[in-house]
Protein backbone atom coordinates (compact mmCIF):
# COMPACT_ATOMS: atom_id res chain seq x y z
CA MET A 1 50.91 -19.74 -6.85
CA THR A 2 47.39 -18.35 -7.16
CA GLY A 3 48.43 -14.87 -8.22
CA ILE A 4 46.50 -13.28 -5.33
CA THR A 5 48.50 -10.37 -3.90
CA LYS A 6 48.22 -8.94 -0.38
CA GLU A 7 46.53 -5.85 -1.83
CA MET A 8 43.90 -8.02 -3.53
CA ALA A 9 43.33 -10.00 -0.33
CA ASP A 10 42.94 -6.78 1.69
CA LYS A 11 40.36 -5.45 -0.78
CA ALA A 12 38.47 -8.71 -0.65
CA GLU A 13 38.42 -8.58 3.14
CA ALA A 14 37.12 -5.00 3.04
CA GLN A 15 34.36 -6.12 0.69
CA ILE A 16 33.38 -8.91 3.08
CA GLU A 17 33.18 -6.47 5.99
CA ALA A 18 31.09 -4.00 3.95
CA GLU A 19 28.58 -6.64 2.85
CA MET A 20 28.28 -8.10 6.36
CA LYS A 21 27.11 -4.71 7.63
CA ASN A 22 24.13 -4.92 5.29
CA VAL A 23 22.97 -8.21 6.81
CA ASP A 24 21.57 -6.89 10.07
CA TYR A 25 19.40 -9.42 11.90
CA ASP A 26 18.60 -10.90 15.26
CA THR A 27 17.12 -14.18 16.45
CA ARG A 28 13.93 -14.11 18.52
CA GLU A 29 11.80 -16.74 20.20
CA PHE A 30 8.00 -16.56 20.28
CA THR A 31 5.25 -18.95 21.30
CA ILE A 32 3.04 -20.57 18.68
CA GLU A 33 0.04 -18.70 20.09
CA TYR A 34 1.83 -15.36 19.73
CA ILE A 35 2.94 -16.10 16.15
CA VAL A 36 -0.53 -17.19 15.06
CA ASP A 37 -2.11 -14.13 16.67
CA LYS A 38 0.28 -11.81 14.80
CA TYR A 39 -0.57 -13.62 11.59
CA ILE A 40 -4.36 -13.77 12.03
CA ASN A 41 -5.12 -10.38 13.57
CA GLY A 42 -5.86 -7.95 10.72
CA ILE A 43 -5.49 -10.53 7.93
CA GLU A 44 -8.86 -9.82 6.31
CA ASN A 45 -7.76 -6.27 5.53
CA GLU A 46 -4.18 -7.29 4.80
CA ASP A 47 -3.01 -5.37 7.84
CA ASN A 48 -1.69 -8.30 9.89
CA GLU A 49 1.67 -7.67 11.53
CA LEU A 50 3.11 -10.99 10.32
CA TYR A 51 2.10 -11.46 6.70
CA VAL A 52 2.56 -13.66 3.64
CA PRO A 53 3.64 -11.66 0.56
CA ASP A 54 1.90 -12.20 -2.77
CA TYR A 55 4.65 -14.34 -4.23
CA GLN A 56 4.10 -16.92 -1.47
CA ARG A 57 0.28 -16.77 -1.30
CA GLU A 58 -0.33 -20.24 -2.67
CA PHE A 59 -0.77 -22.83 0.06
CA ILE A 60 0.69 -26.13 -1.19
CA TRP A 61 1.02 -28.40 1.84
CA ARG A 62 -1.37 -31.33 1.85
CA TYR A 63 -3.03 -32.57 5.05
CA TYR A 64 -0.46 -35.34 5.58
CA ARG A 65 2.44 -32.88 5.53
CA GLN A 66 0.62 -30.46 7.80
CA SER A 67 -0.10 -33.30 10.21
CA ARG A 68 3.53 -34.41 10.23
CA PHE A 69 4.58 -30.87 11.07
CA ILE A 70 2.14 -30.69 13.98
CA GLU A 71 3.33 -34.11 15.17
CA SER A 72 6.94 -32.90 15.14
CA LEU A 73 6.02 -29.93 17.33
CA ILE A 74 4.12 -32.13 19.80
CA LEU A 75 7.10 -34.50 20.03
CA GLY A 76 9.54 -31.62 20.49
CA ILE A 77 11.48 -32.42 17.32
CA PRO A 78 13.57 -29.44 16.12
CA ILE A 79 12.15 -27.64 13.10
CA PRO A 80 13.79 -25.09 10.77
CA LEU A 81 13.85 -21.46 11.84
CA ILE A 82 11.28 -19.09 10.43
CA PHE A 83 12.81 -16.20 8.52
CA VAL A 84 11.04 -12.82 8.35
CA ALA A 85 12.01 -9.35 7.19
CA GLU A 86 11.00 -6.12 8.90
CA ILE A 87 9.47 -3.64 6.43
CA LYS A 88 10.69 -0.11 7.13
CA ASP A 89 7.59 1.86 6.05
CA THR A 90 5.03 -0.20 7.97
CA GLY A 91 6.91 -2.07 10.69
CA ARG A 92 5.21 -5.28 9.49
CA LEU A 93 7.10 -8.55 9.23
CA GLU A 94 7.16 -10.19 5.80
CA ILE A 95 7.46 -13.97 5.95
CA VAL A 96 10.38 -14.85 3.71
CA ASP A 97 10.64 -18.52 4.66
CA GLY A 98 8.04 -20.34 6.77
CA SER A 99 4.67 -19.33 5.31
CA GLN A 100 3.47 -22.93 4.97
CA ARG A 101 4.36 -23.63 8.61
CA ILE A 102 2.67 -20.52 9.98
CA ARG A 103 -0.50 -21.06 7.95
CA THR A 104 -0.60 -24.68 9.09
CA LEU A 105 -0.41 -23.54 12.71
CA ALA A 106 -3.19 -21.00 12.19
CA ALA A 107 -5.42 -23.56 10.50
CA PHE A 108 -4.79 -26.17 13.19
CA LEU A 109 -5.51 -23.83 16.09
CA ASN A 110 -8.70 -22.76 14.30
CA ASN A 111 -9.79 -26.41 13.89
CA GLU A 112 -9.72 -26.17 10.09
CA PHE A 113 -8.18 -29.62 9.62
CA ARG A 114 -7.68 -32.80 11.60
CA LEU A 115 -4.52 -34.87 11.91
CA VAL A 116 -4.03 -37.71 9.44
CA GLY A 117 -1.36 -40.26 8.55
CA LEU A 118 0.62 -40.01 11.78
CA ASN A 119 3.06 -42.87 12.43
CA LYS A 120 4.74 -41.93 15.70
CA LEU A 121 1.49 -40.85 17.36
CA PRO A 122 -1.17 -42.85 15.49
CA LEU A 123 -3.67 -42.46 18.33
CA LEU A 124 -3.86 -38.76 17.41
CA ASN A 125 -5.16 -39.46 13.91
CA ASN A 126 -8.53 -37.73 13.31
CA PHE A 127 -7.90 -35.29 16.21
CA TYR A 128 -8.80 -31.66 15.72
CA PHE A 129 -7.07 -29.20 18.03
CA ARG A 130 -10.27 -28.93 20.05
CA ASP A 131 -10.11 -32.66 20.80
CA PHE A 132 -6.95 -32.33 22.88
CA PRO A 133 -7.28 -31.92 26.66
CA LEU A 134 -7.05 -28.27 27.70
CA SER A 135 -3.65 -28.90 29.32
CA ARG A 136 -2.24 -30.21 26.00
CA GLN A 137 -3.77 -27.31 24.09
CA ARG A 138 -2.00 -24.88 26.40
CA LYS A 139 1.31 -26.73 26.11
CA PHE A 140 1.06 -26.67 22.34
CA LYS A 141 0.18 -22.96 22.16
CA ASN A 142 3.04 -22.17 24.53
CA THR A 143 5.59 -24.12 22.46
CA PRO A 144 8.40 -21.72 21.51
CA MET A 145 9.58 -21.28 17.92
CA ARG A 146 12.70 -19.46 16.83
CA MET A 147 12.59 -16.75 14.22
CA ILE A 148 15.30 -14.84 12.36
CA VAL A 149 14.26 -11.20 11.90
CA LEU A 150 16.09 -9.27 9.21
CA SER A 151 16.26 -5.61 10.19
CA SER A 152 14.48 -2.91 8.21
CA LYS A 153 17.95 -1.41 7.71
CA ALA A 154 18.57 -4.10 5.12
CA THR A 155 17.86 -2.96 1.57
CA PRO A 156 15.31 -4.78 -0.63
CA GLU A 157 18.29 -6.10 -2.62
CA VAL A 158 19.75 -7.71 0.51
CA ARG A 159 16.36 -9.17 1.46
CA ASN A 160 15.87 -10.56 -2.03
CA ASP A 161 19.35 -12.02 -2.06
CA MET A 162 18.78 -13.77 1.26
CA PHE A 163 15.47 -15.18 0.02
CA ASP A 164 17.22 -16.50 -3.07
CA ARG A 165 19.98 -18.11 -1.03
CA ILE A 166 17.51 -19.75 1.35
CA ASN A 167 15.47 -21.17 -1.50
CA THR A 168 18.28 -22.19 -3.85
CA SER A 169 21.02 -23.37 -1.49
CA SER A 170 20.12 -26.96 -2.39
CA VAL A 171 19.20 -25.94 -5.96
CA PRO A 172 15.54 -27.01 -5.78
CA LEU A 173 13.62 -26.79 -9.02
CA CYS A 174 10.27 -25.06 -9.34
CA PRO A 175 7.54 -27.37 -10.69
CA MET A 176 7.66 -25.70 -14.11
CA GLU A 177 11.42 -26.13 -14.33
CA LYS A 178 10.94 -29.85 -13.69
CA ARG A 179 8.13 -30.13 -16.24
CA LYS A 180 10.30 -28.59 -18.94
CA GLY A 181 12.66 -31.56 -18.72
CA VAL A 182 10.24 -34.32 -17.73
CA TYR A 183 7.09 -33.80 -19.80
CA ILE A 184 8.68 -33.47 -23.21
CA GLY A 185 6.16 -33.19 -26.04
CA LYS A 186 4.19 -30.97 -28.39
CA PHE A 187 2.09 -29.31 -25.68
CA ASN A 188 5.17 -28.65 -23.53
CA ASP A 189 6.84 -26.96 -26.51
CA PHE A 190 3.70 -24.89 -27.12
CA ILE A 191 3.54 -23.63 -23.50
CA PHE A 192 7.15 -22.51 -23.47
CA SER A 193 6.89 -20.88 -26.89
CA VAL A 194 3.82 -18.87 -25.79
CA ALA A 195 5.72 -17.82 -22.66
CA GLU A 196 8.07 -15.87 -24.92
CA ASN A 197 5.26 -13.67 -26.25
CA GLU A 198 6.39 -10.06 -25.81
CA GLN A 199 2.88 -8.68 -25.34
CA PHE A 200 2.32 -11.16 -22.51
CA LYS A 201 5.64 -10.30 -20.86
CA LYS A 202 4.80 -6.60 -21.07
CA ILE A 203 1.55 -6.91 -19.08
CA CYS A 204 2.65 -9.70 -16.74
CA PRO A 205 5.42 -8.45 -14.42
CA ILE A 206 7.39 -11.25 -12.77
CA SER A 207 8.66 -10.96 -9.21
CA ILE A 208 12.40 -10.95 -8.70
CA TYR A 209 11.92 -14.15 -6.71
CA PHE A 210 10.73 -15.95 -9.85
CA LYS A 211 12.98 -14.38 -12.46
CA ASP A 212 14.45 -17.05 -14.75
CA ARG A 213 12.39 -19.74 -12.95
CA GLN A 214 9.85 -20.30 -15.78
CA GLU A 215 7.08 -18.39 -13.97
CA GLU A 216 5.61 -17.14 -17.24
CA ALA A 217 5.20 -20.73 -18.43
CA GLU A 218 3.72 -21.70 -15.05
CA LEU A 219 1.04 -19.02 -15.38
CA ILE A 220 0.21 -20.02 -18.95
CA LEU A 221 -0.09 -23.69 -17.99
CA ARG A 222 -2.49 -22.69 -15.21
CA PHE A 223 -4.53 -20.66 -17.67
CA PHE A 224 -5.02 -23.62 -20.00
CA GLY A 225 -5.19 -26.29 -17.30
CA PHE A 226 -7.83 -24.57 -15.20
CA SER A 227 -9.89 -23.22 -18.11
CA ASP A 228 -9.94 -26.61 -19.86
CA THR A 229 -11.11 -28.45 -16.74
CA TYR A 230 -13.48 -25.82 -15.32
CA PRO A 231 -15.71 -26.14 -13.31
CA ASP A 232 -14.79 -29.49 -11.75
CA PHE A 233 -11.01 -29.27 -12.26
CA VAL A 234 -10.52 -32.95 -12.99
CA VAL A 235 -8.22 -34.32 -15.67
CA ASP A 236 -8.47 -38.02 -16.43
CA THR A 237 -8.84 -39.42 -12.88
CA THR A 238 -6.73 -36.69 -11.24
CA SER A 239 -8.66 -34.13 -9.18
CA LEU A 240 -7.35 -30.73 -8.11
CA GLU A 241 -9.33 -31.20 -4.88
CA LYS A 242 -7.39 -34.32 -3.92
CA THR A 243 -3.94 -33.88 -5.41
CA GLY A 244 -3.10 -30.18 -5.24
CA VAL A 245 -2.00 -27.78 -7.98
CA ALA A 246 1.43 -29.22 -8.86
CA ASN A 247 0.27 -32.83 -9.31
CA PHE A 248 -2.86 -31.71 -11.13
CA LEU A 249 -0.87 -29.65 -13.64
CA ASP A 250 1.66 -32.47 -14.06
CA LYS A 251 -1.16 -34.80 -15.08
CA TYR A 252 -2.75 -32.21 -17.34
CA MET A 253 0.53 -31.65 -19.20
CA GLU A 254 1.14 -35.40 -19.46
CA ILE A 255 -2.30 -35.98 -21.00
CA LYS A 256 -2.10 -32.99 -23.35
CA ASN A 257 1.30 -34.07 -24.67
CA LYS A 258 -0.34 -37.33 -25.77
CA THR A 259 -3.57 -35.96 -27.20
CA ILE A 260 -3.05 -32.45 -28.57
CA ASP A 261 -2.89 -31.86 -32.32
CA ASP A 262 -2.05 -28.87 -34.49
CA ASN A 263 -5.67 -27.74 -34.72
CA GLU A 264 -6.05 -27.60 -30.94
CA ILE A 265 -2.74 -25.78 -30.59
CA ALA A 266 -3.95 -23.17 -33.11
CA ARG A 267 -7.23 -22.73 -31.19
CA LYS A 268 -5.46 -22.41 -27.86
CA LYS A 269 -3.02 -19.85 -29.24
CA GLU A 270 -5.90 -17.82 -30.67
CA ASP A 271 -7.77 -17.93 -27.35
CA PHE A 272 -4.66 -16.88 -25.45
CA LEU A 273 -3.86 -13.96 -27.76
CA LYS A 274 -7.45 -12.72 -27.61
CA MET A 275 -7.36 -12.88 -23.84
CA ILE A 276 -4.10 -10.95 -23.40
CA GLY A 277 -5.22 -8.39 -25.99
CA PHE A 278 -8.42 -7.82 -24.03
CA VAL A 279 -6.57 -7.56 -20.70
CA GLU A 280 -4.04 -5.08 -22.09
CA LYS A 281 -6.86 -2.90 -23.47
CA THR A 282 -9.00 -3.16 -20.33
CA PHE A 283 -6.19 -2.68 -17.79
CA PRO A 284 -3.71 -0.48 -19.69
CA GLU A 285 -1.97 0.78 -16.56
CA ARG A 286 -1.38 -2.54 -14.81
CA GLY A 287 -2.16 -5.56 -16.99
CA PHE A 288 -2.21 -8.66 -14.79
CA ALA A 289 -0.70 -6.88 -11.79
CA LYS A 290 -2.92 -6.15 -8.80
CA TYR A 291 -1.75 -2.56 -8.55
CA ARG A 292 -0.32 0.07 -10.85
CA ASP A 293 3.50 -0.05 -11.02
CA SER A 294 3.58 -3.41 -9.25
CA GLU A 295 6.62 -5.52 -10.08
CA GLU A 296 4.94 -8.88 -9.58
CA THR A 297 1.91 -10.87 -10.68
CA SER A 298 -0.13 -12.72 -8.08
CA ARG A 299 -1.01 -16.22 -9.30
CA SER A 300 -4.50 -16.09 -7.81
CA TYR A 301 -5.20 -12.67 -9.33
CA PHE A 302 -3.82 -13.77 -12.70
CA GLU A 303 -6.07 -16.84 -12.72
CA ALA A 304 -9.12 -14.73 -11.91
CA ILE A 305 -8.46 -12.07 -14.55
CA ALA A 306 -7.10 -14.34 -17.29
CA ILE A 307 -9.63 -17.16 -17.07
CA GLY A 308 -12.52 -14.84 -16.24
CA SER A 309 -11.66 -12.81 -19.35
CA HIS A 310 -11.40 -15.96 -21.44
CA PHE A 311 -14.87 -17.21 -20.50
CA ALA A 312 -16.41 -13.75 -20.87
CA LEU A 313 -14.94 -13.49 -24.38
CA LYS A 314 -16.35 -16.90 -25.22
CA GLU A 315 -19.82 -15.57 -24.44
CA ASN A 316 -19.23 -12.19 -26.08
CA PRO A 317 -16.28 -11.98 -28.51
CA ASN A 318 -16.87 -8.23 -28.95
CA LEU A 319 -16.58 -7.50 -25.23
CA VAL A 320 -15.55 -3.96 -24.29
CA VAL A 321 -15.24 -2.99 -20.63
CA ASN A 322 -14.39 0.53 -19.48
CA ASP A 323 -15.66 0.36 -15.90
CA ILE A 324 -12.99 -1.45 -13.87
CA LYS A 325 -13.61 0.13 -10.47
CA TRP A 326 -14.73 -3.26 -9.18
CA SER A 327 -11.21 -4.61 -9.80
CA HIS A 328 -9.41 -1.98 -7.70
CA LEU A 329 -8.05 -3.51 -4.50
CA ASP A 330 -7.74 -1.41 -1.35
CA LYS A 331 -7.23 -2.98 2.07
CA ASN A 332 -8.67 0.14 3.71
CA ASN A 333 -11.85 -0.17 1.68
CA PRO A 334 -12.11 -3.86 0.76
CA ASN A 335 -14.54 -4.80 -2.00
CA GLU A 336 -15.94 -8.17 -3.07
CA LEU A 337 -12.94 -9.07 -5.22
CA PHE A 338 -10.62 -8.24 -2.34
CA ARG A 339 -12.60 -10.61 -0.14
CA ILE A 340 -12.50 -13.40 -2.70
CA LEU A 341 -8.75 -13.10 -3.15
CA SER A 342 -7.85 -12.72 0.53
CA GLY A 343 -8.15 -16.38 1.53
CA ARG A 344 -5.28 -17.47 3.74
CA TYR A 345 -5.66 -21.24 3.59
CA HIS A 346 -6.03 -23.68 0.69
CA THR A 347 -6.23 -20.93 -1.90
CA HIS A 348 -6.59 -23.44 -4.73
CA LYS A 349 -9.49 -25.52 -3.57
CA PRO A 350 -11.80 -25.91 -6.61
CA ALA A 351 -14.61 -23.92 -4.97
CA LYS A 352 -12.33 -20.93 -4.31
CA LEU A 353 -10.79 -21.06 -7.77
CA LYS A 354 -14.22 -21.22 -9.40
CA GLU A 355 -15.50 -18.37 -7.24
CA ARG A 356 -12.84 -15.91 -8.37
CA ILE A 357 -13.10 -16.94 -12.03
CA ASP A 358 -16.91 -16.61 -12.02
CA TYR A 359 -16.81 -13.26 -10.26
CA VAL A 360 -14.48 -11.70 -12.82
CA LYS A 361 -16.33 -13.23 -15.79
CA ASN A 362 -19.68 -11.92 -14.55
CA GLU A 363 -18.31 -8.45 -13.84
CA PHE A 364 -16.95 -8.22 -17.39
CA LEU A 365 -20.23 -9.35 -18.95
CA GLN A 366 -22.36 -7.05 -16.80
CA ARG A 367 -20.22 -4.00 -17.59
CA ASN A 368 -19.92 -4.67 -21.32
CA LYS A 369 -20.18 -1.51 -23.48
CA SER A 370 -19.98 -3.11 -26.93
């Protein structure tokens, strides 16, 4: 006997029915051309109808994976459904699952990369989209893709829960969760100890999507990894340009675990504390967040502000900046920083990373009041 009474079973059934009402969605089918148009049109001012939220801004697919995805579509191989959520206030569709696929499609149709590493269709290697016959281009653009659209009636809590279930149903680990168990050593311990700093947590809001997923440690590793290897972003023989962020940071942590000593740890901790102290004083109302009262920290924005601050403080330890108008982001009145941060494809190419770091550093130094 389980001890479950009929009354308990009836209450459980009522709970199921109540929760099911909150999950209001429908399945739609659109052509690739239509999807890309909804994603591209208005993207520069962050007013595109189909958009990638901040927590998914980083583009991580390498060219081989992008090419394999395009090959699958050409061959008619089934691909996973795209999942989007309708936002009540704007009517826009937030991409919950499928941002890498949609950005790959946009880049391919815009001839931003060519196909590589194909096995089933090796004769297509080195093809840009423009190299296909017009008939094949039309067939590709008219290929239908299925999309699950979660209604705007769903609460943010329901949307967040569905995102979490999609992304954890097979219990995948974030890169930083893997590093915690794989790259054991003195530098690893240092990163995770710094991630517990209360001042840092106060000014660095973490999205609900990354809660308890070691996002604080991920940001701190990026701060040290990118600042240490600036401006070329090469560690040992591993290049950010060629390997991507995750592999680059893996290698950086591996090397630092072998080489770091107590003196370097002390210097790094001092640099980090100076940086967060400066950021808290300079941006008292938002810290590392893009906007006041934001509940998340954009990785790209964090890298720009944190590393830009760090290098500015290296040049002028007494730096005081009161004029921060240049850092205000407004899609209706986009400024230079908005433009630098609004890249939609390969956001962590060394040139783009260096551009946003340099811009912030120079703004701080030019507006110094000390």
